[in-house]
C-alpha cells in the first residue's frame, strides 16, 4: 500500500496521514507492506508499532543501491 505522505517529489506532507492505512491493515490478513517516503527510523517505528509488516524504500533505494548496508 502506498501511504499518501508525499506532497511532491521528496517533500513530505506537513499533515501526517499515518493512520490512513490502518483500516486496511486491520482487515487484511496477509503480509502488509507500506511505502511512501519512509526513512530508516520511520520504517522501524512503523514495524515496531505494528502498523505494517514490511516497509518498501523505492526512491531511497534507487538513489542508494547500498541502502541495506547503510541501514545495518
PDB file of N, CA and C in Angstrom:
ATOM      1  N   UNK A   1       0.845  -1.164   0.000  1.00  0.00           N
ATOM      2  CA  UNK A   1       0.000   0.000   0.000  1.00  0.00           C
ATOM      3  C   UNK A   1       0.893   1.229   0.000  1.00  0.00           C
ATOM      4  N   UNK A   2       0.527   2.186  -0.793  1.00  0.00           N
ATOM      5  CA  UNK A   2       1.274   3.440  -0.814  1.00  0.00           C
ATOM      6  C   UNK A   2       0.549   4.434   0.070  1.00  0.00           C
ATOM      7  N   UNK A   3       1.238   4.868   1.085  1.00  0.00           N
ATOM      8  CA  UNK A   3       0.657   5.833   2.006  1.00  0.00           C
ATOM      9  C   UNK A   3       0.854   7.229   1.430  1.00  0.00           C
ATOM     10  N   UNK A   4      -0.207   8.016   1.350  1.00  0.00           N
ATOM     11  CA  UNK A   4      -0.113   9.343   0.703  1.00  0.00           C
ATOM     12  C   UNK A   4       0.571  10.371   1.594  1.00  0.00           C
ATOM     13  N   UNK A   5       1.850  10.124   1.886  1.00  0.00           N
ATOM     14  CA  UNK A   5       2.616  11.022   2.746  1.00  0.00           C
ATOM     15  C   UNK A   5       3.408  12.035   1.944  1.00  0.00           C
ATOM     16  N   UNK A   6       3.442  11.886   0.643  1.00  0.00           N
ATOM     17  CA  UNK A   6       4.265  12.759  -0.183  1.00  0.00           C
ATOM     18  C   UNK A   6       3.380  13.817  -0.859  1.00  0.00           C
ATOM     19  N   UNK A   7       3.747  15.077  -0.743  1.00  0.00           N
ATOM     20  CA  UNK A   7       3.036  16.158  -1.412  1.00  0.00           C
ATOM     21  C   UNK A   7       3.552  16.275  -2.838  1.00  0.00           C
ATOM     22  N   UNK A   8       4.856  16.340  -2.972  1.00  0.00           N
ATOM     23  CA  UNK A   8       5.518  16.329  -4.266  1.00  0.00           C
ATOM     24  C   UNK A   8       6.850  15.645  -4.074  1.00  0.00           C
ATOM     25  N   UNK A   9       7.534  15.427  -5.135  1.00  0.00           N
ATOM     26  CA  UNK A   9       8.771  14.657  -5.079  1.00  0.00           C
ATOM     27  C   UNK A   9       9.692  15.091  -3.932  1.00  0.00           C
ATOM     28  N   UNK A  10       9.997  14.139  -3.080  1.00  0.00           N
ATOM     29  CA  UNK A  10      10.923  14.287  -1.965  1.00  0.00           C
ATOM     30  C   UNK A  10      10.490  15.269  -0.881  1.00  0.00           C
ATOM     31  N   UNK A  11       9.252  15.726  -0.878  1.00  0.00           N
ATOM     32  CA  UNK A  11       8.751  16.594   0.186  1.00  0.00           C
ATOM     33  C   UNK A  11       7.584  15.919   0.885  1.00  0.00           C
ATOM     34  N   UNK A  12       7.740  15.679   2.172  1.00  0.00           N
ATOM     35  CA  UNK A  12       6.685  15.032   2.928  1.00  0.00           C
ATOM     36  C   UNK A  12       5.591  16.035   3.265  1.00  0.00           C
ATOM     37  N   UNK A  13       4.416  15.521   3.460  1.00  0.00           N
ATOM     38  CA  UNK A  13       3.275  16.336   3.824  1.00  0.00           C
ATOM     39  C   UNK A  13       3.468  16.935   5.209  1.00  0.00           C
ATOM     40  N   UNK A  14       2.977  18.145   5.404  1.00  0.00           N
ATOM     41  CA  UNK A  14       3.020  18.760   6.735  1.00  0.00           C
ATOM     42  C   UNK A  14       2.033  18.075   7.669  1.00  0.00           C
ATOM     43  N   UNK A  15       0.936  17.610   7.122  1.00  0.00           N
ATOM     44  CA  UNK A  15      -0.057  16.905   7.931  1.00  0.00           C
ATOM     45  C   UNK A  15       0.126  15.421   7.728  1.00  0.00           C
ATOM     46  N   UNK A  16       0.279  14.712   8.800  1.00  0.00           N
ATOM     47  CA  UNK A  16       0.537  13.287   8.693  1.00  0.00           C
ATOM     48  C   UNK A  16      -0.722  12.523   8.317  1.00  0.00           C
ATOM     49  N   UNK A  17      -0.558  11.541   7.477  1.00  0.00           N
ATOM     50  CA  UNK A  17      -1.660  10.666   7.111  1.00  0.00           C
ATOM     51  C   UNK A  17      -1.336   9.247   7.566  1.00  0.00           C
ATOM     52  N   UNK A  18      -0.525   9.174   8.616  1.00  0.00           N
ATOM     53  CA  UNK A  18      -0.053   7.898   9.128  1.00  0.00           C
ATOM     54  C   UNK A  18      -1.184   6.897   9.339  1.00  0.00           C
ATOM     55  N   UNK A  19      -2.317   7.369   9.757  1.00  0.00           N
ATOM     56  CA  UNK A  19      -3.427   6.486  10.093  1.00  0.00           C
ATOM     57  C   UNK A  19      -4.303   6.146   8.901  1.00  0.00           C
ATOM     58  N   UNK A  20      -3.984   6.639   7.721  1.00  0.00           N
ATOM     59  CA  UNK A  20      -4.840   6.422   6.560  1.00  0.00           C
ATOM     60  C   UNK A  20      -4.913   4.963   6.136  1.00  0.00           C
ATOM     61  N   UNK A  21      -3.897   4.177   6.442  1.00  0.00           N
ATOM     62  CA  UNK A  21      -3.895   2.772   6.038  1.00  0.00           C
ATOM     63  C   UNK A  21      -4.354   1.832   7.141  1.00  0.00           C
ATOM     64  N   UNK A  22      -4.569   2.347   8.334  1.00  0.00           N
ATOM     65  CA  UNK A  22      -4.929   1.481   9.455  1.00  0.00           C
ATOM     66  C   UNK A  22      -6.215   0.693   9.239  1.00  0.00           C
ATOM     67  N   UNK A  23      -7.262   1.256   8.641  1.00  0.00           N
ATOM     68  CA  UNK A  23      -8.462   0.437   8.404  1.00  0.00           C
ATOM     69  C   UNK A  23      -8.177  -0.770   7.505  1.00  0.00           C
ATOM     70  N   UNK A  24      -7.316  -0.587   6.527  1.00  0.00           N
ATOM     71  CA  UNK A  24      -6.963  -1.692   5.633  1.00  0.00           C
ATOM     72  C   UNK A  24      -6.104  -2.700   6.388  1.00  0.00           C
ATOM     73  N   UNK A  25      -5.157  -2.210   7.158  1.00  0.00           N
ATOM     74  CA  UNK A  25      -4.279  -3.071   7.949  1.00  0.00           C
ATOM     75  C   UNK A  25      -5.093  -3.980   8.864  1.00  0.00           C
ATOM     76  N   UNK A  26      -6.145  -3.444   9.445  1.00  0.00           N
ATOM     77  CA  UNK A  26      -6.957  -4.202  10.402  1.00  0.00           C
ATOM     78  C   UNK A  26      -7.728  -5.339   9.755  1.00  0.00           C
ATOM     79  N   UNK A  27      -8.126  -5.183   8.498  1.00  0.00           N
ATOM     80  CA  UNK A  27      -8.931  -6.232   7.857  1.00  0.00           C
ATOM     81  C   UNK A  27      -8.132  -7.150   6.944  1.00  0.00           C
ATOM     82  N   UNK A  28      -6.971  -6.691   6.481  1.00  0.00           N
ATOM     83  CA  UNK A  28      -6.148  -7.508   5.588  1.00  0.00           C
ATOM     84  C   UNK A  28      -5.339  -8.491   6.414  1.00  0.00           C
ATOM     85  N   UNK A  29      -5.438  -9.762   6.087  1.00  0.00           N
ATOM     86  CA  UNK A  29      -4.793 -10.796   6.895  1.00  0.00           C
ATOM     87  C   UNK A  29      -3.446 -11.256   6.345  1.00  0.00           C
ATOM     88  N   UNK A  30      -3.028 -10.739   5.207  1.00  0.00           N
ATOM     89  CA  UNK A  30      -1.746 -11.135   4.622  1.00  0.00           C
ATOM     90  C   UNK A  30      -0.610 -10.251   5.112  1.00  0.00           C
ATOM     91  N   UNK A  31       0.547 -10.411   4.496  1.00  0.00           N
ATOM     92  CA  UNK A  31       1.700  -9.573   4.813  1.00  0.00           C
ATOM     93  C   UNK A  31       1.429  -8.165   4.300  1.00  0.00           C
ATOM     94  N   UNK A  32       1.518  -7.198   5.171  1.00  0.00           N
ATOM     95  CA  UNK A  32       1.183  -5.808   4.850  1.00  0.00           C
ATOM     96  C   UNK A  32       2.468  -5.033   4.612  1.00  0.00           C
ATOM     97  N   UNK A  33       2.619  -4.479   3.412  1.00  0.00           N
ATOM     98  CA  UNK A  33       3.810  -3.726   3.026  1.00  0.00           C
ATOM     99  C   UNK A  33       3.383  -2.295   2.695  1.00  0.00           C
ATOM    100  N   UNK A  34       4.069  -1.324   3.277  1.00  0.00           N
ATOM    101  CA  UNK A  34       3.754   0.079   3.002  1.00  0.00           C
ATOM    102  C   UNK A  34       4.935   0.764   2.328  1.00  0.00           C
ATOM    103  N   UNK A  35       4.647   1.853   1.657  1.00  0.00           N
ATOM    104  CA  UNK A  35       5.651   2.712   1.032  1.00  0.00           C
ATOM    105  C   UNK A  35       5.148   4.140   1.145  1.00  0.00           C
ATOM    106  N   UNK A  36       6.017   5.083   0.929  1.00  0.00           N
ATOM    107  CA  UNK A  36       5.572   6.469   0.952  1.00  0.00           C
ATOM    108  C   UNK A  36       6.552   7.417   1.605  1.00  0.00           C
ATOM    109  N   UNK A  37       7.814   7.295   1.265  1.00  0.00           N
ATOM    110  CA  UNK A  37       8.788   8.259   1.756  1.00  0.00           C
ATOM    111  C   UNK A  37       9.320   7.978   3.142  1.00  0.00           C
ATOM    112  N   UNK A  38       9.269   6.751   3.584  1.00  0.00           N
ATOM    113  CA  UNK A  38       9.803   6.407   4.898  1.00  0.00           C
ATOM    114  C   UNK A  38      11.325   6.500   4.902  1.00  0.00           C
ATOM    115  N   UNK A  39      11.876   6.938   6.026  1.00  0.00           N
ATOM    116  CA  UNK A  39      13.315   6.822   6.228  1.00  0.00           C
ATOM    117  C   UNK A  39      13.534   5.646   7.184  1.00  0.00           C
ATOM    118  N   UNK A  40      14.767   5.389   7.555  1.00  0.00           N
ATOM    119  CA  UNK A  40      15.068   4.222   8.391  1.00  0.00           C
ATOM    120  C   UNK A  40      14.308   4.255   9.718  1.00  0.00           C
ATOM    121  N   UNK A  41      14.355   5.383  10.412  1.00  0.00           N
ATOM    122  CA  UNK A  41      13.694   5.486  11.725  1.00  0.00           C
ATOM    123  C   UNK A  41      12.177   5.348  11.615  1.00  0.00           C
ATOM    124  N   UNK A  42      11.583   6.027  10.638  1.00  0.00           N
ATOM    125  CA  UNK A  42      10.127   5.946  10.458  1.00  0.00           C
ATOM    126  C   UNK A  42       9.696   4.531  10.098  1.00  0.00           C
ATOM    127  N   UNK A  43      10.482   3.867   9.254  1.00  0.00           N
ATOM    128  CA  UNK A  43      10.173   2.492   8.882  1.00  0.00           C
ATOM    129  C   UNK A  43      10.266   1.552  10.068  1.00  0.00           C
ATOM    130  N   UNK A  44      11.326   1.692  10.855  1.00  0.00           N
ATOM    131  CA  UNK A  44      11.473   0.861  12.050  1.00  0.00           C
ATOM    132  C   UNK A  44      10.340   1.109  13.037  1.00  0.00           C
ATOM    133  N   UNK A  45       9.952   2.370  13.202  1.00  0.00           N
ATOM    134  CA  UNK A  45       8.846   2.701  14.107  1.00  0.00           C
ATOM    135  C   UNK A  45       7.531   2.090  13.624  1.00  0.00           C
ATOM    136  N   UNK A  46       7.280   2.163  12.315  1.00  0.00           N
ATOM    137  CA  UNK A  46       6.039   1.610  11.765  1.00  0.00           C
ATOM    138  C   UNK A  46       5.951   0.106  12.011  1.00  0.00           C
ATOM    139  N   UNK A  47       7.070  -0.587  11.864  1.00  0.00           N
ATOM    140  CA  UNK A  47       7.087  -2.036  12.117  1.00  0.00           C
ATOM    141  C   UNK A  47       6.957  -2.314  13.606  1.00  0.00           C
ATOM    142  N   UNK A  48       7.700  -1.593  14.433  1.00  0.00           N
ATOM    143  CA  UNK A  48       7.668  -1.802  15.885  1.00  0.00           C
ATOM    144  C   UNK A  48       6.288  -1.532  16.474  1.00  0.00           C
ATOM    145  N   UNK A  49       5.573  -0.556  15.903  1.00  0.00           N
ATOM    146  CA  UNK A  49       4.232  -0.212  16.397  1.00  0.00           C
ATOM    147  C   UNK A  49       3.144  -1.128  15.863  1.00  0.00           C
ATOM    148  N   UNK A  50       3.506  -2.020  14.949  1.00  0.00           N
ATOM    149  CA  UNK A  50       2.515  -2.922  14.376  1.00  0.00           C
ATOM    150  C   UNK A  50       1.693  -2.313  13.260  1.00  0.00           C
ATOM    151  N   UNK A  51       2.135  -1.153  12.755  1.00  0.00           N
ATOM    152  CA  UNK A  51       1.402  -0.505  11.666  1.00  0.00           C
ATOM    153  C   UNK A  51       1.580  -1.249  10.346  1.00  0.00           C
ATOM    154  N   UNK A  52       2.657  -2.004  10.215  1.00  0.00           N
ATOM    155  CA  UNK A  52       2.964  -2.721   8.983  1.00  0.00           C
ATOM    156  C   UNK A  52       3.868  -3.905   9.290  1.00  0.00           C
ATOM    157  N   UNK A  53       3.982  -4.805   8.320  1.00  0.00           N
ATOM    158  CA  UNK A  53       4.920  -5.923   8.451  1.00  0.00           C
ATOM    159  C   UNK A  53       6.256  -5.589   7.800  1.00  0.00           C
ATOM    160  N   UNK A  54       6.199  -4.883   6.672  1.00  0.00           N
ATOM    161  CA  UNK A  54       7.394  -4.528   5.907  1.00  0.00           C
ATOM    162  C   UNK A  54       7.255  -3.117   5.365  1.00  0.00           C
ATOM    163  N   UNK A  55       8.399  -2.475   5.095  1.00  0.00           N
ATOM    164  CA  UNK A  55       8.409  -1.135   4.512  1.00  0.00           C
ATOM    165  C   UNK A  55       9.216  -1.184   3.222  1.00  0.00           C
ATOM    166  N   UNK A  56       8.667  -0.628   2.152  1.00  0.00           N
ATOM    167  CA  UNK A  56       9.369  -0.542   0.871  1.00  0.00           C
ATOM    168  C   UNK A  56      10.046   0.823   0.777  1.00  0.00           C
ATOM    169  N   UNK A  57      11.288   0.805   0.329  1.00  0.00           N
ATOM    170  CA  UNK A  57      12.069   2.030   0.191  1.00  0.00           C
ATOM    171  C   UNK A  57      12.412   2.244  -1.280  1.00  0.00           C
ATOM    172  N   UNK A  58      11.439   2.613  -2.081  1.00  0.00           N
ATOM    173  CA  UNK A  58      11.634   2.735  -3.514  1.00  0.00           C
ATOM    174  C   UNK A  58      12.637   3.785  -3.928  1.00  0.00           C
ATOM    175  N   UNK A  59      12.303   5.045  -3.773  1.00  0.00           N
ATOM    176  CA  UNK A  59      13.185   6.138  -4.208  1.00  0.00           C
ATOM    177  C   UNK A  59      14.503   6.120  -3.455  1.00  0.00           C
ATOM    178  N   UNK A  60      14.417   5.913  -2.167  1.00  0.00           N
ATOM    179  CA  UNK A  60      15.625   5.915  -1.352  1.00  0.00           C
ATOM    180  C   UNK A  60      16.581   4.806  -1.788  1.00  0.00           C
ATOM    181  N   UNK A  61      16.032   3.634  -2.117  1.00  0.00           N
ATOM    182  CA  UNK A  61      16.869   2.522  -2.561  1.00  0.00           C
ATOM    183  C   UNK A  61      17.432   2.766  -3.953  1.00  0.00           C
ATOM    184  N   UNK A  62      16.614   3.317  -4.849  1.00  0.00           N
ATOM    185  CA  UNK A  62      17.112   3.597  -6.202  1.00  0.00           C
ATOM    186  C   UNK A  62      18.278   4.576  -6.180  1.00  0.00           C
ATOM    187  N   UNK A  63      18.202   5.551  -5.306  1.00  0.00           N
ATOM    188  CA  UNK A  63      19.262   6.541  -5.205  1.00  0.00           C
ATOM    189  C   UNK A  63      20.474   6.014  -4.428  1.00  0.00           C
ATOM    190  N   UNK A  64      20.259   4.958  -3.642  1.00  0.00           N
ATOM    191  CA  UNK A  64      21.319   4.399  -2.794  1.00  0.00           C
ATOM    192  C   UNK A  64      21.276   2.883  -2.860  1.00  0.00           C
ATOM    193  N   UNK A  65      21.833   2.277  -3.902  1.00  0.00           N
ATOM    194  CA  UNK A  65      21.781   0.819  -4.029  1.00  0.00           C
ATOM    195  C   UNK A  65      22.399   0.077  -2.841  1.00  0.00           C
ATOM    196  N   UNK A  66      23.236   0.769  -2.070  1.00  0.00           N
ATOM    197  CA  UNK A  66      23.835   0.151  -0.896  1.00  0.00           C
ATOM    198  C   UNK A  66      22.998   0.393   0.367  1.00  0.00           C
ATOM    199  N   UNK A  67      21.746   0.745   0.194  1.00  0.00           N
ATOM    200  CA  UNK A  67      20.873   1.083   1.321  1.00  0.00           C
ATOM    201  C   UNK A  67      20.823  -0.003   2.401  1.00  0.00           C
ATOM    202  N   UNK A  68      20.682  -1.285   2.046  1.00  0.00           N
ATOM    203  CA  UNK A  68      20.675  -2.298   3.119  1.00  0.00           C
ATOM    204  C   UNK A  68      21.945  -2.247   3.971  1.00  0.00           C
ATOM    205  N   UNK A  69      23.080  -2.019   3.347  1.00  0.00           N
ATOM    206  CA  UNK A  69      24.336  -1.929   4.089  1.00  0.00           C
ATOM    207  C   UNK A  69      24.337  -0.673   4.972  1.00  0.00           C
ATOM    208  N   UNK A  70      23.832   0.419   4.444  1.00  0.00           N
ATOM    209  CA  UNK A  70      23.765   1.669   5.233  1.00  0.00           C
ATOM    210  C   UNK A  70      22.838   1.498   6.432  1.00  0.00           C
ATOM    211  N   UNK A  71      21.743   0.788   6.244  1.00  0.00           N
ATOM    212  CA  UNK A  71      20.781   0.576   7.329  1.00  0.00           C
ATOM    213  C   UNK A  71      21.335  -0.345   8.407  1.00  0.00           C
ATOM    214  N   UNK A  72      22.327  -1.186   8.054  1.00  0.00           N
ATOM    215  CA  UNK A  72      22.935  -2.058   9.061  1.00  0.00           C
ATOM    216  C   UNK A  72      23.552  -1.201  10.132  1.00  0.00           C
TER     217      UNK A  72
END
